[in-house]
């Protein structure tokens, strides 16, 4: 992974500042990702972590004394981010919301800075020999921010809220492997038939097939634990009065430009090092670099173009932070309607555009995608499964579909939240296929709703997906699996689904990689989506702010932040 000058620093050696990742989620244009899913930037220091022969994972973290900001205990920091679209984890479908709610609500597990699963509200878990039954053991004496106990039933109830057929979560597919989940979601089954149960201080999960990645799924912020009182009180973007949290921070005040967060005194790992966080949600049109230089933020994301010169700046360069993200920019089609219900038309589009060159022209530092799965995801494989640029084959495919030279091709609109590739895509389709593409930019919130709509979805669209959990299933199954809530193009292919099922059912890494490779070959040949580039995140972080490092899923864990002693 390319590095940048400077280091984010480490949190105290014995501190366990946990936080969940994000399920697939759309980010604003700087870092888009649908529904997303959301996967995870967790900034934490973890204690002992063991993988025993029977696959039982046990952790006994200890909490270090609270670090200090200078000579004073506690301290504060200013973090620049986005405002949540909802305060309900079950309803979130975008990365900016997940960034905030990941600080407020905790899950059973979390990812460390290397995207390895670690214990959070659960102190351990065990998986039976079949791989279809997982038992999570909660930590003793854990409570919500108001001091009321967190129970195993709270966990079950929190997860079932994602499957409520009256108001399903955009990320309901995260629980698709649980017995009875799909039936309950579709109204064909009842709540009691879902394979989630509480037994004392344990949560028991029954899976319909072995799914080695499911423990990682539980780190998604969508699966965070909420209090029974949440009801329908947190549906919208306005901060509710008296919000009760399970995470490191409790939001106490919200304005049009910022959110005030206070350390949760009942946080299971002990009160966070920083007593308060000022989350700036609107920099009012200023440059992020200018905001940082003016001291108006201690941590703020910046663009790759700004990073290109900052790395050589004597003052800002040491404060530059870089991380490769488990994310992919891709184009997709509504495969349920003409003309993109025809694989030949999709193949023509895929082969007409030089996607790798397009990526390099838009950003010389970009990493062109070779498959839908970003580098660094275990089991991804190394084969280049991206579309082959072949204008002659593209013209032949379009002619075979009934549109020789583009004659008679219907009007098509490319709808996006504003992508740097759009104009290049339209030009190459015109030059190679003789097709004119209209481009329609939509505000991101409006755009997300269009993709989520039951009808009237865009014909041709662009997204960025950030992993909910670091596994091929998060990209292939959630984005393209038949019936997935995160499959806006509604593509369906039985051979593809069978490959994913076979990959999930085996624990043999070689066999699993082969099944995922077969599935990706189908994606390349059928072209329901076209991957373009992989993500890369840049930020400026104040000297002395420890723990301000991102992992592949892209969430900054406020609970792991601390100021170095002066």
Protein backbone atom coordinates (compact mmCIF):
# COMPACT_ATOMS: atom_id res chain seq x y z
CA UNK A 1 0.00 0.00 0.00
CA UNK A 2 1.45 3.40 -0.97
CA UNK A 3 2.43 5.39 2.08
CA UNK A 4 2.39 9.05 2.88
CA UNK A 5 4.69 11.11 5.08
CA UNK A 6 3.86 11.02 8.75
CA UNK A 7 2.21 8.47 11.01
CA UNK A 8 -1.21 8.38 12.57
CA UNK A 9 0.27 7.18 15.84
CA UNK A 10 -0.93 4.40 18.12
CA UNK A 11 -3.49 4.43 20.89
CA UNK A 12 -2.39 3.27 24.33
CA UNK A 13 -1.04 -0.28 24.24
CA UNK A 14 -3.66 -1.82 26.50
CA UNK A 15 -6.68 0.19 25.34
CA UNK A 16 -9.52 -1.51 23.47
CA UNK A 17 -11.43 1.25 21.78
CA UNK A 18 -13.85 -0.71 19.67
CA UNK A 19 -16.22 0.34 16.97
CA UNK A 20 -18.20 -1.40 14.28
CA UNK A 21 -17.82 -1.09 10.56
CA UNK A 22 -20.31 0.13 8.13
CA UNK A 23 -22.55 -1.90 6.03
CA UNK A 24 -22.76 -0.97 2.42
CA UNK A 25 -23.57 2.62 2.17
CA UNK A 26 -23.53 5.41 -0.32
CA UNK A 27 -21.04 8.14 0.40
CA UNK A 28 -21.29 11.69 -0.84
CA UNK A 29 -19.38 12.10 -4.07
CA UNK A 30 -15.99 12.35 -2.39
CA UNK A 31 -16.44 8.76 -1.23
CA UNK A 32 -19.66 7.33 -2.60
CA UNK A 33 -20.94 3.88 -1.70
CA UNK A 34 -24.43 2.55 -2.08
CA UNK A 35 -26.62 1.57 0.85
CA UNK A 36 -23.10 0.76 1.55
CA UNK A 37 -22.59 -1.28 3.75
CA UNK A 38 -21.19 -0.43 4.30
CA UNK A 39 -17.24 -1.84 5.93
CA UNK A 40 -15.16 -0.10 8.53
CA UNK A 41 -12.57 2.25 9.67
CA UNK A 42 -11.85 1.18 13.13
CA UNK A 43 -9.18 3.01 15.03
CA UNK A 44 -8.46 0.94 18.05
CA UNK A 45 -5.81 -0.78 20.06
CA UNK A 46 -6.76 -4.37 20.82
CA UNK A 47 -5.53 -6.58 23.60
CA UNK A 48 -5.13 -10.37 23.57
CA UNK A 49 -6.81 -12.14 20.66
CA UNK A 50 -6.58 -15.91 20.28
CA UNK A 51 -7.81 -18.34 17.64
CA UNK A 52 -8.11 -21.74 19.29
CA UNK A 53 -8.19 -25.09 17.48
CA UNK A 54 -11.98 -25.49 17.86
CA UNK A 55 -12.45 -22.04 16.27
CA UNK A 56 -13.51 -20.52 19.55
CA UNK A 57 -12.27 -16.93 19.67
CA UNK A 58 -11.63 -15.44 23.08
CA UNK A 59 -10.60 -11.97 24.14
CA UNK A 60 -9.78 -10.58 27.56
CA UNK A 61 -9.04 -6.92 26.90
CA UNK A 62 -7.94 -4.57 29.60
CA UNK A 63 -8.53 -0.86 29.54
CA UNK A 64 -5.59 1.44 30.08
CA UNK A 65 -5.80 4.64 32.10
CA UNK A 66 -7.43 7.44 30.15
CA UNK A 67 -4.80 9.30 28.09
CA UNK A 68 -4.44 13.02 28.56
CA UNK A 69 -4.52 15.98 26.24
CA UNK A 70 -1.49 17.89 27.42
CA UNK A 71 -1.57 18.14 31.19
CA UNK A 72 -5.35 18.11 31.51
CA UNK A 73 -7.37 14.88 31.76
CA UNK A 74 -9.98 14.29 29.07
CA UNK A 75 -9.70 16.76 26.24
CA UNK A 76 -11.52 17.28 22.97
CA UNK A 77 -11.06 17.20 19.25
CA UNK A 78 -12.75 18.64 16.17
CA UNK A 79 -13.54 16.09 13.47
CA UNK A 80 -15.00 17.04 10.10
CA UNK A 81 -17.61 14.68 8.68
CA UNK A 82 -21.19 14.49 7.49
CA UNK A 83 -24.60 14.71 9.08
CA UNK A 84 -26.62 11.50 9.50
CA UNK A 85 -29.74 11.01 7.42
CA UNK A 86 -31.24 9.04 10.31
CA UNK A 87 -30.34 8.21 13.92
CA UNK A 88 -31.65 4.65 13.54
CA UNK A 89 -28.98 2.08 12.59
CA UNK A 90 -31.60 -0.21 11.04
CA UNK A 91 -32.64 2.49 8.58
CA UNK A 92 -29.28 3.83 7.48
CA UNK A 93 -28.19 3.24 3.92
CA UNK A 94 -25.30 5.67 3.41
CA UNK A 95 -21.73 5.91 4.61
CA UNK A 96 -21.96 9.38 6.11
CA UNK A 97 -24.72 8.21 8.42
CA UNK A 98 -22.73 5.11 9.29
CA UNK A 99 -19.68 7.26 10.10
CA UNK A 100 -21.69 8.98 12.83
CA UNK A 101 -23.78 6.10 14.12
CA UNK A 102 -20.68 3.91 14.44
CA UNK A 103 -19.60 6.24 17.25
CA UNK A 104 -22.98 6.07 18.99
CA UNK A 105 -23.90 2.38 18.77
CA UNK A 106 -21.76 -0.73 19.29
CA UNK A 107 -21.99 -4.20 17.79
CA UNK A 108 -21.02 -7.63 19.04
CA UNK A 109 -17.77 -7.46 17.09
CA UNK A 110 -15.60 -4.85 15.41
CA UNK A 111 -12.66 -4.69 13.05
CA UNK A 112 -9.18 -3.69 14.08
CA UNK A 113 -6.98 -1.44 11.94
CA UNK A 114 -6.01 -4.46 9.81
CA UNK A 115 -9.69 -5.37 9.26
CA UNK A 116 -9.49 -8.45 11.47
CA UNK A 117 -12.59 -9.28 13.51
CA UNK A 118 -12.25 -8.53 17.22
CA UNK A 119 -14.65 -8.77 20.18
CA UNK A 120 -16.75 -5.76 21.17
CA UNK A 121 -19.98 -6.26 23.16
CA UNK A 122 -19.39 -9.99 22.79
CA UNK A 123 -16.36 -11.24 24.66
CA UNK A 124 -16.14 -14.49 22.66
CA UNK A 125 -17.95 -16.70 20.20
CA UNK A 126 -17.93 -20.32 19.09
CA UNK A 127 -18.83 -21.99 15.80
CA UNK A 128 -19.98 -25.60 15.71
CA UNK A 129 -18.53 -28.21 13.39
CA UNK A 130 -21.26 -27.72 10.79
CA UNK A 131 -20.42 -24.01 10.49
CA UNK A 132 -24.14 -23.24 10.75
CA UNK A 133 -24.49 -22.43 14.44
CA UNK A 134 -22.68 -19.53 16.10
CA UNK A 135 -22.96 -18.72 19.79
CA UNK A 136 -21.88 -15.26 20.99
CA UNK A 137 -21.13 -14.75 24.69
CA UNK A 138 -21.81 -11.19 25.87
CA UNK A 139 -19.45 -9.42 28.23
CA UNK A 140 -20.65 -9.28 31.82
CA UNK A 141 -22.26 -6.13 33.21
CA UNK A 142 -22.41 -4.17 29.93
CA UNK A 143 -24.92 -1.33 29.85
CA UNK A 144 -26.36 1.37 27.66
CA UNK A 145 -25.36 4.97 28.29
CA UNK A 146 -28.25 5.41 30.75
CA UNK A 147 -26.97 2.52 32.87
CA UNK A 148 -29.62 -0.05 31.89
CA UNK A 149 -28.21 -3.53 31.11
CA UNK A 150 -27.53 -4.65 27.55
CA UNK A 151 -29.03 -8.12 27.20
CA UNK A 152 -28.87 -10.88 24.64
CA UNK A 153 -32.51 -10.21 23.85
CA UNK A 154 -31.59 -6.60 23.01
CA UNK A 155 -29.17 -7.96 20.42
CA UNK A 156 -31.79 -10.23 18.85
CA UNK A 157 -34.40 -7.47 18.83
CA UNK A 158 -31.94 -5.01 17.28
CA UNK A 159 -31.12 -7.39 14.43
CA UNK A 160 -34.73 -8.33 13.78
CA UNK A 161 -35.54 -4.66 13.22
CA UNK A 162 -33.57 -4.88 9.94
CA UNK A 163 -35.94 -7.61 8.73
CA UNK A 164 -39.21 -5.98 9.74
CA UNK A 165 -41.37 -6.35 6.59
CA UNK A 166 -43.23 -3.15 7.48
CA UNK A 167 -40.03 -1.12 7.21
CA UNK A 168 -37.11 -3.23 5.99
CA UNK A 169 -33.55 -1.99 6.25
CA UNK A 170 -31.62 -1.03 3.10
CA UNK A 171 -29.04 -3.47 4.48
CA UNK A 172 -31.40 -6.31 5.35
CA UNK A 173 -29.38 -8.61 3.07
CA UNK A 174 -26.63 -8.63 5.70
CA UNK A 175 -28.79 -11.18 7.53
CA UNK A 176 -29.68 -13.16 4.41
CA UNK A 177 -27.76 -16.25 5.58
CA UNK A 178 -29.79 -16.53 8.81
CA UNK A 179 -32.44 -19.26 8.84
CA UNK A 180 -35.89 -17.79 8.15
CA UNK A 181 -34.63 -14.23 7.61
CA UNK A 182 -35.64 -13.95 3.96
CA UNK A 183 -39.07 -15.46 4.62
CA UNK A 184 -39.78 -13.04 7.45
CA UNK A 185 -38.56 -10.09 5.39
CA UNK A 186 -40.81 -11.01 2.47
CA UNK A 187 -43.85 -11.55 4.68
CA UNK A 188 -43.83 -15.31 4.04
CA UNK A 189 -42.67 -16.19 7.55
CA UNK A 190 -42.93 -14.87 11.06
CA UNK A 191 -40.47 -13.33 13.51
CA UNK A 192 -40.30 -16.47 15.64
CA UNK A 193 -39.06 -18.53 12.67
CA UNK A 194 -35.88 -16.46 12.26
CA UNK A 195 -32.78 -18.28 13.50
CA UNK A 196 -31.87 -15.73 16.16
CA UNK A 197 -32.40 -16.43 19.84
CA UNK A 198 -31.27 -15.25 23.27
CA UNK A 199 -30.30 -17.75 25.95
CA UNK A 200 -29.12 -16.11 29.14
CA UNK A 201 -26.13 -13.98 28.21
CA UNK A 202 -25.63 -15.69 24.84
CA UNK A 203 -26.92 -14.94 21.36
CA UNK A 204 -27.46 -18.00 19.18
CA UNK A 205 -27.43 -17.68 15.39
CA UNK A 206 -28.63 -20.48 13.10
CA UNK A 207 -27.43 -20.18 9.50
CA UNK A 208 -29.00 -21.86 6.49
CA UNK A 209 -25.54 -22.69 5.16
CA UNK A 210 -21.99 -22.47 6.47
CA UNK A 211 -20.94 -18.84 6.13
CA UNK A 212 -17.43 -18.29 7.41
CA UNK A 213 -17.79 -14.54 6.95
CA UNK A 214 -20.86 -14.11 9.18
CA UNK A 215 -18.89 -13.19 12.29
CA UNK A 216 -17.45 -10.28 10.30
CA UNK A 217 -20.98 -9.31 9.22
CA UNK A 218 -21.87 -8.67 12.86
CA UNK A 219 -19.39 -5.78 12.94
CA UNK A 220 -21.57 -3.73 10.58
CA UNK A 221 -23.01 -0.59 12.21
CA UNK A 222 -26.40 -1.69 10.91
CA UNK A 223 -26.21 -4.62 13.36
CA UNK A 224 -25.30 -2.44 16.32
CA UNK A 225 -27.29 -2.87 19.52
CA UNK A 226 -30.01 -0.31 20.25
CA UNK A 227 -32.18 0.07 23.36
CA UNK A 228 -35.75 -1.28 23.44
CA UNK A 229 -37.00 2.31 23.72
CA UNK A 230 -35.81 3.28 20.23
CA UNK A 231 -39.13 2.45 18.54
CA UNK A 232 -39.83 4.89 15.72
CA UNK A 233 -38.35 7.90 17.51
CA UNK A 234 -35.16 8.17 15.45
CA UNK A 235 -36.37 7.79 11.87
CA UNK A 236 -35.34 11.22 10.58
CA UNK A 237 -32.19 13.35 10.63
CA UNK A 238 -33.10 15.41 13.72
CA UNK A 239 -31.34 14.38 16.92
CA UNK A 240 -33.96 12.96 19.30
CA UNK A 241 -34.08 14.12 22.89
CA UNK A 242 -32.37 11.83 25.37
CA UNK A 243 -30.82 9.41 22.87
CA UNK A 244 -29.53 6.29 24.64
CA UNK A 245 -26.29 4.90 23.20
CA UNK A 246 -24.34 1.65 23.34
CA UNK A 247 -21.18 3.05 21.75
CA UNK A 248 -18.30 5.25 22.83
CA UNK A 249 -20.10 8.60 22.48
CA UNK A 250 -23.51 10.09 23.17
CA UNK A 251 -24.76 12.93 20.92
CA UNK A 252 -26.09 15.75 23.09
CA UNK A 253 -26.62 18.63 20.68
CA UNK A 254 -27.04 19.13 16.94
CA UNK A 255 -27.06 22.27 14.82
CA UNK A 256 -27.00 22.92 11.08
CA UNK A 257 -23.20 22.82 11.12
CA UNK A 258 -22.09 20.48 13.90
CA UNK A 259 -22.92 17.73 16.39
CA UNK A 260 -21.63 17.69 19.98
CA UNK A 261 -20.63 14.27 21.28
CA UNK A 262 -19.87 13.42 24.90
CA UNK A 263 -17.93 10.39 26.11
CA UNK A 264 -20.14 7.54 27.28
CA UNK A 265 -19.27 6.96 30.94
CA UNK A 266 -20.85 3.48 30.68
CA UNK A 267 -18.93 2.40 27.58
CA UNK A 268 -17.93 -1.23 27.98
CA UNK A 269 -14.21 -0.48 27.39
CA UNK A 270 -14.21 2.44 29.82
CA UNK A 271 -14.76 6.13 29.09
CA UNK A 272 -13.00 7.22 25.87
CA UNK A 273 -9.84 9.27 26.18
CA UNK A 274 -11.44 12.36 24.69
CA UNK A 275 -14.26 13.75 26.82
CA UNK A 276 -15.89 15.60 23.93
CA UNK A 277 -15.86 15.52 20.15
CA UNK A 278 -17.13 18.38 18.00
CA UNK A 279 -18.26 16.79 14.74
CA UNK A 280 -18.36 19.50 12.08
CA UNK A 281 -20.95 18.49 9.48
CA UNK A 282 -20.85 21.55 7.21
CA UNK A 283 -17.66 23.46 6.36
CA UNK A 284 -19.81 25.98 4.50
CA UNK A 285 -18.09 25.80 1.15
CA UNK A 286 -14.56 26.19 2.44
CA UNK A 287 -11.66 24.13 1.19
CA UNK A 288 -10.96 21.20 3.56
CA UNK A 289 -7.28 22.14 3.50
CA UNK A 290 -8.08 25.72 4.47
CA UNK A 291 -10.31 24.48 7.30
CA UNK A 292 -7.46 22.36 8.64
CA UNK A 293 -4.86 25.13 8.30
CA UNK A 294 -7.16 27.54 10.15
CA UNK A 295 -7.38 25.12 13.09
CA UNK A 296 -11.10 24.51 12.51
CA UNK A 297 -10.61 20.75 12.33
CA UNK A 298 -8.14 18.30 13.84
CA UNK A 299 -9.03 15.62 11.28
CA UNK A 300 -10.60 16.11 7.86
CA UNK A 301 -10.80 14.17 4.61
CA UNK A 302 -9.22 15.71 1.54
CA UNK A 303 -9.20 14.97 -2.17
CA UNK A 304 -6.45 12.99 -3.95
CA UNK A 305 -5.61 16.14 -5.95
CA UNK A 306 -4.90 18.06 -2.74
CA UNK A 307 -2.91 15.13 -1.38
CA UNK A 308 -0.71 15.17 -4.50
CA UNK A 309 0.85 18.50 -3.51
CA UNK A 310 0.47 18.27 0.26
CA UNK A 311 2.80 15.29 0.43
CA UNK A 312 5.62 17.65 -0.57
CA UNK A 313 4.62 20.45 1.82
CA UNK A 314 7.00 20.79 4.78
CA UNK A 315 4.22 21.71 7.22
CA UNK A 316 1.22 19.75 6.00
CA UNK A 317 3.07 16.74 4.59
CA UNK A 318 3.80 15.12 7.99
CA UNK A 319 0.10 15.46 8.85
CA UNK A 320 -1.11 13.71 5.69
CA UNK A 321 -2.72 10.30 6.15
CA UNK A 322 -3.44 7.73 3.45
CA UNK A 323 -5.28 4.42 3.40
CA UNK A 324 -6.41 2.07 0.67
CA UNK A 325 -10.14 1.50 0.95
CA UNK A 326 -12.14 -1.67 0.43
CA UNK A 327 -14.30 0.11 -2.12
CA UNK A 328 -14.99 0.05 -5.82
CA UNK A 329 -16.43 2.60 -8.26
CA UNK A 330 -18.64 0.87 -10.78
CA UNK A 331 -21.35 1.40 -13.39
CA UNK A 332 -24.53 -0.65 -13.47
CA UNK A 333 -27.65 -1.25 -15.54
CA UNK A 334 -31.34 -1.83 -14.86
CA UNK A 335 -31.37 -5.37 -16.20
CA UNK A 336 -35.15 -5.71 -15.93
CA UNK A 337 -35.96 -3.30 -18.78
CA UNK A 338 -34.92 -2.85 -22.40
CA UNK A 339 -32.37 -2.24 -23.69
CA UNK A 340 -30.23 -3.49 -20.77
CA UNK A 341 -32.19 -6.67 -20.17
CA UNK A 342 -30.21 -7.97 -23.17
CA UNK A 343 -26.71 -9.21 -22.19
CA UNK A 344 -25.48 -8.37 -25.69
CA UNK A 345 -26.21 -4.67 -25.14
CA UNK A 346 -24.44 -4.72 -21.77
CA UNK A 347 -21.47 -6.51 -23.34
CA UNK A 348 -21.32 -3.88 -26.06
CA UNK A 349 -21.17 -1.10 -23.48
CA UNK A 350 -18.55 -2.97 -21.45
CA UNK A 351 -16.25 -3.59 -24.43
CA UNK A 352 -16.69 -0.22 -26.14
CA UNK A 353 -15.11 1.80 -23.32
CA UNK A 354 -11.45 1.57 -22.34
CA UNK A 355 -12.23 1.57 -18.63
CA UNK A 356 -8.63 1.34 -17.44
CA UNK A 357 -7.51 4.26 -19.57
CA UNK A 358 -10.59 6.22 -18.51
CA UNK A 359 -9.62 5.74 -14.87
CA UNK A 360 -6.04 6.85 -15.46
CA UNK A 361 -7.11 9.95 -17.38
CA UNK A 362 -9.52 10.98 -14.62
CA UNK A 363 -6.86 10.47 -11.93
CA UNK A 364 -3.28 9.36 -12.74
CA UNK A 365 -2.96 7.97 -9.20
CA UNK A 366 -6.12 5.87 -9.40
CA UNK A 367 -6.05 2.07 -9.30
CA UNK A 368 -8.04 0.63 -12.23
CA UNK A 369 -10.34 -2.19 -11.14
CA UNK A 370 -9.56 -5.69 -12.35
CA UNK A 371 -12.71 -7.16 -10.79
CA UNK A 372 -15.63 -6.07 -8.65
CA UNK A 373 -13.65 -7.06 -5.52
CA UNK A 374 -10.93 -4.66 -4.32
CA UNK A 375 -7.39 -5.76 -3.59
CA UNK A 376 -6.80 -6.83 -0.01
CA UNK A 377 -10.06 -8.78 0.35
CA UNK A 378 -9.21 -12.39 1.38
CA UNK A 379 -10.14 -14.91 -1.31
CA UNK A 380 -10.31 -12.29 -4.03
CA UNK A 381 -7.85 -13.95 -6.42
CA UNK A 382 -5.35 -12.24 -8.73
CA UNK A 383 -6.91 -12.80 -12.15
CA UNK A 384 -7.90 -9.79 -14.25
CA UNK A 385 -11.64 -10.23 -14.68
CA UNK A 386 -12.40 -6.74 -15.97
CA UNK A 387 -14.05 -6.22 -19.38
CA UNK A 388 -11.71 -6.43 -22.36
CA UNK A 389 -11.58 -3.24 -24.41
CA UNK A 390 -12.51 -4.46 -27.90
CA UNK A 391 -14.37 -1.92 -30.09
CA UNK A 392 -14.90 -4.41 -32.92
CA UNK A 393 -16.45 -6.97 -30.57
CA UNK A 394 -18.56 -4.21 -29.02
CA UNK A 395 -19.95 -3.15 -32.41
CA UNK A 396 -20.63 -6.78 -33.32
CA UNK A 397 -22.50 -7.41 -30.05
CA UNK A 398 -24.66 -4.31 -30.55
CA UNK A 399 -25.44 -5.34 -34.12
CA UNK A 400 -26.40 -8.84 -32.96
CA UNK A 401 -28.71 -7.22 -30.41
CA UNK A 402 -30.49 -5.50 -33.31
CA UNK A 403 -28.83 -2.08 -33.34
CA UNK A 404 -26.15 -2.06 -36.08
CA UNK A 405 -24.09 1.10 -35.85
CA UNK A 406 -26.39 2.28 -33.07
CA UNK A 407 -29.36 2.52 -35.48
CA UNK A 408 -32.67 2.38 -33.63
CA UNK A 409 -31.08 2.34 -30.21
CA UNK A 410 -33.45 3.94 -27.67
CA UNK A 411 -32.65 7.09 -25.73
CA UNK A 412 -30.60 6.20 -22.65
CA UNK A 413 -29.84 8.40 -19.66
CA UNK A 414 -26.80 7.93 -17.43
CA UNK A 415 -27.86 9.04 -13.95
CA UNK A 416 -25.13 9.71 -11.40
CA UNK A 417 -24.32 11.83 -8.34
CA UNK A 418 -21.57 13.44 -10.43
CA UNK A 419 -18.71 11.17 -11.50
CA UNK A 420 -15.39 12.20 -13.09
CA UNK A 421 -15.80 9.38 -15.61
CA UNK A 422 -19.23 10.23 -17.01
CA UNK A 423 -18.21 12.47 -19.92
CA UNK A 424 -15.52 10.01 -21.01
CA UNK A 425 -17.98 7.13 -20.93
CA UNK A 426 -20.50 9.04 -23.05
CA UNK A 427 -17.84 10.08 -25.59
CA UNK A 428 -16.46 6.58 -26.09
CA UNK A 429 -19.93 5.08 -26.45
CA UNK A 430 -20.68 7.69 -29.11
CA UNK A 431 -17.38 7.18 -30.93
CA UNK A 432 -17.45 3.38 -30.90
CA UNK A 433 -21.15 2.47 -30.98
CA UNK A 434 -22.77 5.58 -32.45
CA UNK A 435 -24.98 5.91 -29.36
CA UNK A 436 -25.80 9.22 -27.71
CA UNK A 437 -26.02 9.06 -23.92
CA UNK A 438 -27.67 11.81 -21.89
CA UNK A 439 -26.05 12.55 -18.52
CA UNK A 440 -28.22 13.48 -15.56
CA UNK A 441 -26.56 14.57 -12.30
CA UNK A 442 -28.68 14.26 -9.17
CA UNK A 443 -28.01 15.37 -5.57
CA UNK A 444 -26.77 12.34 -3.69
CA UNK A 445 -29.67 11.99 -1.28
CA UNK A 446 -32.13 12.14 -4.16
CA UNK A 447 -29.98 9.79 -6.21
CA UNK A 448 -29.91 7.17 -3.43
CA UNK A 449 -33.69 7.22 -3.21
CA UNK A 450 -33.96 6.68 -6.97
CA UNK A 451 -31.83 3.54 -6.77
CA UNK A 452 -33.83 2.30 -3.80
CA UNK A 453 -37.20 2.90 -5.45
CA UNK A 454 -39.41 -0.05 -6.38
CA UNK A 455 -40.05 1.49 -9.80
CA UNK A 456 -38.47 4.19 -11.92
CA UNK A 457 -34.87 3.18 -11.27
CA UNK A 458 -32.20 4.74 -13.52
CA UNK A 459 -31.41 2.85 -16.71
CA UNK A 460 -27.66 3.32 -16.41
CA UNK A 461 -25.98 4.50 -13.20
CA UNK A 462 -22.72 4.84 -11.27
CA UNK A 463 -21.93 4.07 -7.63
CA UNK A 464 -19.16 3.48 -5.16
CA UNK A 465 -19.49 0.53 -2.81
CA UNK A 466 -17.60 0.40 0.48
CA UNK A 467 -17.36 -3.04 2.03
CA UNK A 468 -19.56 -3.91 4.97
CA UNK A 469 -17.19 -6.75 5.80
CA UNK A 470 -13.93 -7.79 4.09
CA UNK A 471 -15.06 -10.80 2.08
CA UNK A 472 -15.95 -11.41 -1.59
CA UNK A 473 -19.53 -12.12 -0.52
CA UNK A 474 -19.96 -8.46 0.46
CA UNK A 475 -19.33 -7.35 -3.12
CA UNK A 476 -20.70 -10.27 -5.11
CA UNK A 477 -23.58 -11.47 -2.93
CA UNK A 478 -24.86 -8.14 -1.65
CA UNK A 479 -24.47 -6.29 -4.95
CA UNK A 480 -25.53 -8.99 -7.41
CA UNK A 481 -27.19 -11.88 -5.57
CA UNK A 482 -30.75 -12.66 -6.64
CA UNK A 483 -33.19 -10.80 -4.42
CA UNK A 484 -30.55 -8.84 -2.52
CA UNK A 485 -31.79 -5.52 -1.15
CA UNK A 486 -28.52 -3.99 -2.39
CA UNK A 487 -28.92 -5.10 -6.02
CA UNK A 488 -30.45 -2.00 -7.69
CA UNK A 489 -30.05 -3.43 -11.19
CA UNK A 490 -32.03 -6.53 -10.11
CA UNK A 491 -29.81 -8.82 -12.13
CA UNK A 492 -30.37 -12.51 -11.49
CA UNK A 493 -28.33 -15.49 -12.65
CA UNK A 494 -28.79 -18.98 -11.21
CA UNK A 495 -25.24 -20.14 -12.04
CA UNK A 496 -23.81 -17.09 -10.31
CA UNK A 497 -25.97 -17.70 -7.23
CA UNK A 498 -24.89 -21.35 -7.18
CA UNK A 499 -21.22 -20.36 -7.26
CA UNK A 500 -21.71 -18.00 -4.32
CA UNK A 501 -23.58 -20.66 -2.36
CA UNK A 502 -20.81 -23.18 -3.00
CA UNK A 503 -18.15 -20.67 -1.94
CA UNK A 504 -20.02 -19.90 1.28
CA UNK A 505 -20.49 -23.59 2.06
CA UNK A 506 -16.80 -24.54 2.02
CA UNK A 507 -14.00 -23.69 4.40
CA UNK A 508 -11.33 -24.79 1.90
CA UNK A 509 -9.66 -21.54 0.75
CA UNK A 510 -8.60 -23.00 -2.60
CA UNK A 511 -12.08 -24.31 -3.43
CA UNK A 512 -13.65 -21.10 -2.23
CA UNK A 513 -11.36 -18.94 -4.39
CA UNK A 514 -12.20 -21.10 -7.42
CA UNK A 515 -15.94 -20.63 -6.87
CA UNK A 516 -15.55 -16.86 -6.50
CA UNK A 517 -13.44 -16.78 -9.67
CA UNK A 518 -16.18 -18.65 -11.55
CA UNK A 519 -18.77 -16.19 -10.24
CA UNK A 520 -16.69 -13.22 -11.34
CA UNK A 521 -16.21 -14.70 -14.78
CA UNK A 522 -20.01 -14.76 -15.15
CA UNK A 523 -20.12 -11.11 -14.08
CA UNK A 524 -17.49 -10.19 -16.69
CA UNK A 525 -19.31 -12.06 -19.46
CA UNK A 526 -22.84 -10.95 -18.54
CA UNK A 527 -21.81 -7.39 -17.56
CA UNK A 528 -24.60 -6.50 -15.10
CA UNK A 529 -22.04 -4.07 -13.65
CA UNK A 530 -18.71 -2.68 -14.83
CA UNK A 531 -15.99 -2.01 -12.21
CA UNK A 532 -13.82 1.05 -12.88
CA UNK A 533 -11.49 1.92 -9.98
CA UNK A 534 -10.68 1.01 -6.39
CA UNK A 535 -10.87 3.47 -3.54
CA UNK A 536 -8.16 5.42 -1.79
CA UNK A 537 -8.72 7.74 1.17
CA UNK A 538 -6.72 10.82 2.15
CA UNK A 539 -7.02 12.94 5.26
CA UNK A 540 -5.19 15.59 7.25
CA UNK A 541 -4.73 14.74 10.93
CA UNK A 542 -3.29 17.05 13.57
CA UNK A 543 0.16 16.22 14.95
CA UNK A 544 -0.27 14.40 18.25
CA UNK A 545 -3.72 13.00 17.51
CA UNK A 546 -3.22 9.30 18.17
CA UNK A 547 -5.35 6.55 16.68
CA UNK A 548 -6.42 8.58 13.65
CA UNK A 549 -5.79 5.76 11.18
CA UNK A 550 -8.27 4.22 8.77
CA UNK A 551 -8.68 0.57 7.87
CA UNK A 552 -10.12 -0.78 4.67
CA UNK A 553 -13.74 -0.06 5.50
CA UNK A 554 -13.26 3.65 6.01
CA UNK A 555 -14.73 4.56 9.41
CA UNK A 556 -12.81 6.72 11.86
CA UNK A 557 -13.32 5.29 15.34
CA UNK A 558 -13.61 8.22 17.72
CA UNK A 559 -13.35 5.91 20.72
CA UNK A 560 -9.75 5.15 19.82
CA UNK A 561 -8.61 8.78 19.55
CA UNK A 562 -6.32 10.38 22.12
CA UNK A 563 -3.88 13.27 22.32
CA UNK A 564 -0.25 12.43 22.89
CA UNK A 565 1.02 13.76 26.25
CA UNK A 566 2.98 16.97 25.88
